[in-house]
N, C-alpha and C. Protein backbone atom coordinates (compact mmCIF):
# COMPACT_ATOMS: atom_id res chain seq x y z
N GLN A 1 13.16 -16.34 12.76
CA GLN A 1 13.86 -15.56 11.74
C GLN A 1 13.29 -14.15 11.68
N VAL A 2 13.95 -13.29 10.93
CA VAL A 2 13.52 -11.91 10.80
C VAL A 2 12.29 -11.84 9.91
N GLN A 3 11.30 -11.09 10.37
CA GLN A 3 10.10 -10.83 9.59
C GLN A 3 9.99 -9.34 9.32
N LEU A 4 9.54 -8.98 8.14
CA LEU A 4 9.38 -7.59 7.75
C LEU A 4 7.91 -7.33 7.47
N VAL A 5 7.36 -6.27 8.05
CA VAL A 5 5.96 -5.93 7.88
C VAL A 5 5.85 -4.47 7.50
N GLU A 6 5.29 -4.22 6.31
CA GLU A 6 5.07 -2.85 5.85
C GLU A 6 3.72 -2.34 6.31
N SER A 7 3.64 -1.04 6.50
CA SER A 7 2.38 -0.40 6.85
C SER A 7 2.42 1.06 6.39
N GLY A 8 1.28 1.70 6.40
CA GLY A 8 1.21 3.11 6.06
C GLY A 8 0.67 3.42 4.68
N GLY A 9 0.40 2.39 3.90
CA GLY A 9 -0.15 2.62 2.58
C GLY A 9 -1.59 3.09 2.64
N GLY A 10 -2.10 3.51 1.50
CA GLY A 10 -3.47 3.98 1.44
C GLY A 10 -3.75 4.73 0.17
N LEU A 11 -4.87 5.42 0.16
CA LEU A 11 -5.31 6.20 -1.00
C LEU A 11 -5.06 7.68 -0.73
N VAL A 12 -4.42 8.34 -1.67
CA VAL A 12 -4.11 9.75 -1.51
C VAL A 12 -4.22 10.45 -2.87
N GLN A 13 -4.57 11.72 -2.85
CA GLN A 13 -4.64 12.49 -4.08
C GLN A 13 -3.26 12.91 -4.54
N ALA A 14 -3.13 13.13 -5.83
CA ALA A 14 -1.86 13.60 -6.37
C ALA A 14 -1.41 14.86 -5.65
N GLY A 15 -0.13 14.90 -5.33
CA GLY A 15 0.42 16.02 -4.59
C GLY A 15 0.45 15.80 -3.10
N GLY A 16 -0.21 14.76 -2.64
CA GLY A 16 -0.25 14.46 -1.23
C GLY A 16 0.95 13.68 -0.76
N SER A 17 0.92 13.27 0.50
CA SER A 17 2.04 12.58 1.12
C SER A 17 1.59 11.34 1.87
N LEU A 18 2.48 10.39 1.97
CA LEU A 18 2.29 9.20 2.78
C LEU A 18 3.63 8.82 3.39
N ARG A 19 3.57 8.19 4.54
CA ARG A 19 4.77 7.70 5.20
C ARG A 19 4.63 6.20 5.41
N LEU A 20 5.49 5.45 4.76
CA LEU A 20 5.48 4.01 4.91
C LEU A 20 6.47 3.58 5.98
N SER A 21 6.12 2.53 6.70
CA SER A 21 6.99 1.98 7.71
C SER A 21 7.25 0.51 7.42
N CYS A 22 8.43 0.07 7.76
CA CYS A 22 8.80 -1.34 7.63
C CYS A 22 9.39 -1.76 8.96
N ALA A 23 8.63 -2.54 9.70
CA ALA A 23 9.06 -2.99 11.01
C ALA A 23 9.65 -4.39 10.94
N ALA A 24 10.79 -4.56 11.54
CA ALA A 24 11.45 -5.85 11.59
C ALA A 24 11.20 -6.49 12.95
N SER A 25 10.89 -7.76 12.94
CA SER A 25 10.67 -8.49 14.17
C SER A 25 11.37 -9.83 14.12
N GLY A 26 11.40 -10.51 15.24
CA GLY A 26 12.10 -11.77 15.31
C GLY A 26 13.55 -11.56 15.72
N ARG A 27 14.26 -12.63 15.77
CA ARG A 27 15.66 -12.55 16.16
C ARG A 27 16.51 -11.93 15.06
N THR A 28 17.38 -11.04 15.48
CA THR A 28 18.30 -10.39 14.56
C THR A 28 19.71 -10.84 14.88
N PHE A 29 20.35 -11.48 13.91
CA PHE A 29 21.67 -12.02 14.13
C PHE A 29 22.78 -11.21 13.47
N SER A 30 22.39 -10.22 12.69
CA SER A 30 23.35 -9.37 12.02
C SER A 30 22.67 -8.06 11.63
N SER A 31 23.48 -7.10 11.20
CA SER A 31 22.95 -5.84 10.72
C SER A 31 22.48 -6.00 9.28
N TYR A 32 21.42 -5.30 8.93
CA TYR A 32 20.83 -5.42 7.60
C TYR A 32 20.75 -4.07 6.91
N ALA A 33 21.11 -4.06 5.64
CA ALA A 33 20.77 -2.93 4.79
C ALA A 33 19.32 -3.11 4.38
N LYS A 34 18.62 -2.02 4.14
CA LYS A 34 17.21 -2.09 3.80
C LYS A 34 16.93 -1.37 2.49
N GLY A 35 15.97 -1.91 1.76
CA GLY A 35 15.57 -1.30 0.51
C GLY A 35 14.07 -1.24 0.38
N TRP A 36 13.59 -0.30 -0.41
CA TRP A 36 12.19 -0.19 -0.77
C TRP A 36 12.05 -0.42 -2.27
N PHE A 37 11.11 -1.25 -2.63
CA PHE A 37 10.79 -1.53 -4.03
C PHE A 37 9.30 -1.38 -4.22
N ARG A 38 8.87 -1.24 -5.46
CA ARG A 38 7.45 -1.14 -5.75
C ARG A 38 7.14 -1.89 -7.03
N GLN A 39 5.90 -2.34 -7.12
CA GLN A 39 5.47 -3.08 -8.29
C GLN A 39 4.03 -2.72 -8.63
N ALA A 40 3.85 -2.20 -9.82
CA ALA A 40 2.52 -1.87 -10.32
C ALA A 40 1.99 -3.06 -11.12
N PRO A 41 0.67 -3.18 -11.25
CA PRO A 41 0.10 -4.31 -12.00
C PRO A 41 0.66 -4.42 -13.41
N GLY A 42 1.10 -5.60 -13.78
CA GLY A 42 1.62 -5.84 -15.11
C GLY A 42 3.03 -5.33 -15.35
N LYS A 43 3.66 -4.78 -14.33
CA LYS A 43 5.01 -4.25 -14.48
C LYS A 43 5.99 -4.97 -13.58
N GLU A 44 7.27 -4.82 -13.90
CA GLU A 44 8.32 -5.43 -13.10
C GLU A 44 8.51 -4.66 -11.80
N ARG A 45 9.00 -5.38 -10.81
CA ARG A 45 9.33 -4.74 -9.55
C ARG A 45 10.52 -3.80 -9.76
N GLU A 46 10.40 -2.58 -9.29
CA GLU A 46 11.45 -1.60 -9.50
C GLU A 46 11.98 -1.04 -8.19
N PHE A 47 13.23 -0.67 -8.23
CA PHE A 47 13.90 -0.09 -7.08
C PHE A 47 13.37 1.29 -6.78
N VAL A 48 13.24 1.60 -5.50
CA VAL A 48 12.80 2.92 -5.07
C VAL A 48 13.88 3.63 -4.25
N ALA A 49 14.33 2.98 -3.18
CA ALA A 49 15.33 3.59 -2.31
C ALA A 49 15.99 2.51 -1.47
N ALA A 50 17.19 2.79 -0.99
CA ALA A 50 17.90 1.85 -0.14
C ALA A 50 18.77 2.60 0.85
N ILE A 51 19.03 1.97 1.98
CA ILE A 51 19.81 2.60 3.04
C ILE A 51 20.64 1.55 3.75
N SER A 52 21.88 1.92 4.10
CA SER A 52 22.73 1.01 4.85
C SER A 52 22.27 0.93 6.29
N TRP A 53 22.82 -0.03 7.02
CA TRP A 53 22.43 -0.20 8.42
C TRP A 53 22.70 1.06 9.23
N SER A 54 23.81 1.71 8.97
CA SER A 54 24.17 2.91 9.72
C SER A 54 23.47 4.15 9.20
N GLY A 55 22.91 4.06 8.01
CA GLY A 55 22.30 5.22 7.39
C GLY A 55 23.29 6.08 6.62
N GLY A 56 24.53 5.65 6.56
CA GLY A 56 25.56 6.42 5.90
C GLY A 56 25.54 6.36 4.39
N SER A 57 24.93 5.34 3.84
CA SER A 57 24.83 5.19 2.39
C SER A 57 23.36 5.11 2.01
N ILE A 58 22.94 6.00 1.13
CA ILE A 58 21.54 6.07 0.70
C ILE A 58 21.49 6.21 -0.81
N TYR A 59 20.56 5.50 -1.43
CA TYR A 59 20.37 5.57 -2.87
C TYR A 59 18.89 5.74 -3.18
N TYR A 60 18.61 6.50 -4.23
CA TYR A 60 17.24 6.71 -4.69
C TYR A 60 17.15 6.48 -6.18
N ALA A 61 16.02 5.97 -6.60
CA ALA A 61 15.73 5.93 -8.03
C ALA A 61 15.53 7.35 -8.53
N ASP A 62 15.93 7.60 -9.77
CA ASP A 62 15.78 8.94 -10.32
C ASP A 62 14.33 9.41 -10.30
N SER A 63 13.41 8.49 -10.44
CA SER A 63 12.00 8.84 -10.51
C SER A 63 11.44 9.38 -9.21
N VAL A 64 12.12 9.11 -8.09
CA VAL A 64 11.61 9.56 -6.79
C VAL A 64 12.54 10.51 -6.08
N LYS A 65 13.73 10.69 -6.60
CA LYS A 65 14.71 11.56 -5.95
C LYS A 65 14.17 12.98 -5.84
N GLY A 66 14.29 13.54 -4.65
CA GLY A 66 13.77 14.86 -4.38
C GLY A 66 12.36 14.86 -3.84
N ARG A 67 11.67 13.73 -3.95
CA ARG A 67 10.30 13.61 -3.44
C ARG A 67 10.21 12.62 -2.29
N PHE A 68 10.98 11.55 -2.35
CA PHE A 68 10.94 10.51 -1.33
C PHE A 68 12.18 10.59 -0.45
N THR A 69 12.02 10.20 0.81
CA THR A 69 13.13 10.16 1.74
C THR A 69 13.10 8.86 2.52
N ILE A 70 14.20 8.13 2.49
CA ILE A 70 14.31 6.91 3.26
C ILE A 70 15.10 7.19 4.53
N SER A 71 14.68 6.61 5.62
CA SER A 71 15.36 6.78 6.89
C SER A 71 15.14 5.53 7.74
N ARG A 72 15.87 5.45 8.83
CA ARG A 72 15.69 4.30 9.71
C ARG A 72 15.92 4.67 11.15
N ASP A 73 15.26 3.94 12.01
CA ASP A 73 15.42 4.08 13.45
C ASP A 73 15.77 2.70 13.97
N ASN A 74 17.05 2.45 14.13
CA ASN A 74 17.49 1.12 14.52
C ASN A 74 17.01 0.72 15.92
N ALA A 75 16.82 1.70 16.78
CA ALA A 75 16.32 1.41 18.12
C ALA A 75 14.92 0.82 18.06
N LYS A 76 14.16 1.19 17.03
CA LYS A 76 12.80 0.67 16.84
C LYS A 76 12.74 -0.42 15.78
N ASN A 77 13.88 -0.76 15.22
CA ASN A 77 13.94 -1.77 14.16
C ASN A 77 12.98 -1.45 13.02
N THR A 78 12.96 -0.20 12.64
CA THR A 78 12.01 0.27 11.64
C THR A 78 12.69 1.14 10.59
N VAL A 79 12.30 0.93 9.35
CA VAL A 79 12.75 1.75 8.23
C VAL A 79 11.53 2.48 7.68
N TYR A 80 11.72 3.73 7.28
CA TYR A 80 10.63 4.55 6.80
C TYR A 80 10.86 5.01 5.37
N LEU A 81 9.77 5.28 4.70
CA LEU A 81 9.82 5.90 3.38
C LEU A 81 8.80 7.03 3.39
N GLN A 82 9.30 8.25 3.49
CA GLN A 82 8.45 9.42 3.42
C GLN A 82 8.26 9.79 1.95
N MET A 83 7.03 9.80 1.51
CA MET A 83 6.71 10.06 0.12
C MET A 83 5.93 11.36 0.02
N ASN A 84 6.52 12.34 -0.64
CA ASN A 84 5.89 13.64 -0.82
C ASN A 84 5.62 13.91 -2.29
N ARG A 85 4.70 14.83 -2.55
CA ARG A 85 4.34 15.21 -3.92
C ARG A 85 4.08 13.99 -4.77
N LEU A 86 3.23 13.13 -4.25
CA LEU A 86 2.93 11.88 -4.93
C LEU A 86 2.25 12.10 -6.26
N LYS A 87 2.56 11.21 -7.20
CA LYS A 87 2.01 11.25 -8.53
C LYS A 87 1.24 9.97 -8.81
N PRO A 88 0.29 9.99 -9.73
CA PRO A 88 -0.44 8.76 -10.06
C PRO A 88 0.48 7.61 -10.46
N GLU A 89 1.59 7.90 -11.10
CA GLU A 89 2.52 6.85 -11.49
C GLU A 89 3.26 6.22 -10.31
N ASP A 90 3.09 6.78 -9.12
CA ASP A 90 3.65 6.17 -7.92
C ASP A 90 2.77 5.04 -7.40
N THR A 91 1.58 4.88 -7.97
CA THR A 91 0.67 3.84 -7.55
C THR A 91 1.29 2.46 -7.74
N ALA A 92 1.35 1.69 -6.68
CA ALA A 92 1.96 0.37 -6.72
C ALA A 92 1.86 -0.27 -5.35
N VAL A 93 2.21 -1.54 -5.29
CA VAL A 93 2.43 -2.19 -4.01
C VAL A 93 3.88 -1.95 -3.63
N TYR A 94 4.09 -1.43 -2.44
CA TYR A 94 5.44 -1.12 -1.98
C TYR A 94 5.93 -2.20 -1.03
N TYR A 95 7.13 -2.67 -1.28
CA TYR A 95 7.74 -3.73 -0.48
C TYR A 95 9.03 -3.23 0.15
N CYS A 96 9.27 -3.66 1.37
CA CYS A 96 10.58 -3.44 1.95
C CYS A 96 11.33 -4.75 1.93
N ALA A 97 12.64 -4.65 1.90
CA ALA A 97 13.50 -5.82 1.82
C ALA A 97 14.76 -5.59 2.63
N ALA A 98 15.39 -6.69 3.01
CA ALA A 98 16.60 -6.62 3.82
C ALA A 98 17.69 -7.49 3.23
N SER A 99 18.91 -7.05 3.39
CA SER A 99 20.08 -7.78 2.91
C SER A 99 21.16 -7.73 3.98
N PHE A 100 22.02 -8.74 3.98
CA PHE A 100 23.11 -8.77 4.94
C PHE A 100 24.19 -7.74 4.64
N SER A 101 24.25 -7.30 3.43
CA SER A 101 25.21 -6.31 3.02
C SER A 101 24.55 -5.36 2.04
N GLY A 102 25.32 -4.40 1.63
CA GLY A 102 24.79 -3.42 0.69
C GLY A 102 24.87 -2.02 1.27
N PRO A 103 23.96 -1.14 0.89
CA PRO A 103 22.68 -1.42 0.23
C PRO A 103 22.82 -1.71 -1.27
N PHE A 104 21.83 -2.37 -1.81
CA PHE A 104 21.79 -2.70 -3.22
C PHE A 104 20.59 -2.06 -3.89
N VAL A 105 20.68 -1.91 -5.19
CA VAL A 105 19.61 -1.29 -5.96
C VAL A 105 18.91 -2.30 -6.86
N VAL A 106 19.24 -3.58 -6.73
CA VAL A 106 18.58 -4.62 -7.51
C VAL A 106 17.90 -5.59 -6.56
N ALA A 107 16.72 -6.03 -6.92
CA ALA A 107 15.91 -6.87 -6.06
C ALA A 107 16.57 -8.21 -5.78
N GLU A 108 17.34 -8.71 -6.73
CA GLU A 108 17.95 -10.03 -6.58
C GLU A 108 18.94 -10.10 -5.43
N LYS A 109 19.41 -8.96 -4.97
CA LYS A 109 20.39 -8.93 -3.89
C LYS A 109 19.73 -9.00 -2.51
N TYR A 110 18.43 -8.91 -2.46
CA TYR A 110 17.71 -8.94 -1.20
C TYR A 110 17.04 -10.29 -0.99
N TYR A 111 17.15 -10.83 0.21
CA TYR A 111 16.64 -12.16 0.49
C TYR A 111 15.47 -12.19 1.47
N TYR A 112 15.23 -11.09 2.16
CA TYR A 112 14.12 -10.99 3.09
C TYR A 112 13.16 -9.92 2.59
N TRP A 113 11.88 -10.29 2.51
CA TRP A 113 10.87 -9.39 1.95
C TRP A 113 9.62 -9.35 2.82
N GLY A 114 9.00 -8.18 2.85
CA GLY A 114 7.72 -8.05 3.50
C GLY A 114 6.60 -8.41 2.54
N GLN A 115 5.36 -8.34 3.02
CA GLN A 115 4.20 -8.70 2.21
C GLN A 115 3.72 -7.57 1.31
N GLY A 116 4.17 -6.37 1.57
CA GLY A 116 3.81 -5.23 0.75
C GLY A 116 2.64 -4.44 1.30
N THR A 117 2.58 -3.17 0.93
CA THR A 117 1.48 -2.31 1.30
C THR A 117 1.06 -1.50 0.08
N GLN A 118 -0.24 -1.40 -0.15
CA GLN A 118 -0.76 -0.75 -1.35
C GLN A 118 -0.75 0.77 -1.21
N VAL A 119 -0.21 1.43 -2.22
CA VAL A 119 -0.25 2.88 -2.32
C VAL A 119 -0.98 3.23 -3.61
N THR A 120 -2.06 3.98 -3.48
CA THR A 120 -2.84 4.40 -4.64
C THR A 120 -2.93 5.91 -4.66
N VAL A 121 -2.50 6.50 -5.77
CA VAL A 121 -2.51 7.95 -5.93
C VAL A 121 -3.50 8.30 -7.03
N SER A 122 -4.52 9.04 -6.69
CA SER A 122 -5.54 9.43 -7.65
C SER A 122 -5.19 10.77 -8.28
N ALA A 123 -5.63 10.94 -9.53
CA ALA A 123 -5.36 12.18 -10.24
C ALA A 123 -6.36 13.26 -9.88
């Protein structure tokens, strides 16, 4: 089955940048829309960004719009999240997810999830 693995997280100062990657492996039987979500300790998982398989439809949470950019390279089976001008409130575990259709902005619509990568932004 399809496996999703996030990477690129780390510790960065406020105002800095990070680029997250979500690599898909295993057999692919259909095209997938991809989404990025994040979850801070004690808080609910929240939507960050989503992109259709073709890249033609993109959505961002208001909190990250203008700072984050989602993109994908289907030849590499990888989705990216470029995060610029990071803020301490961006600190969370970031997860990528896949759906057979969409993209969607709610976590319940996604059935494939990665293990997450930690992003910590210091003040």
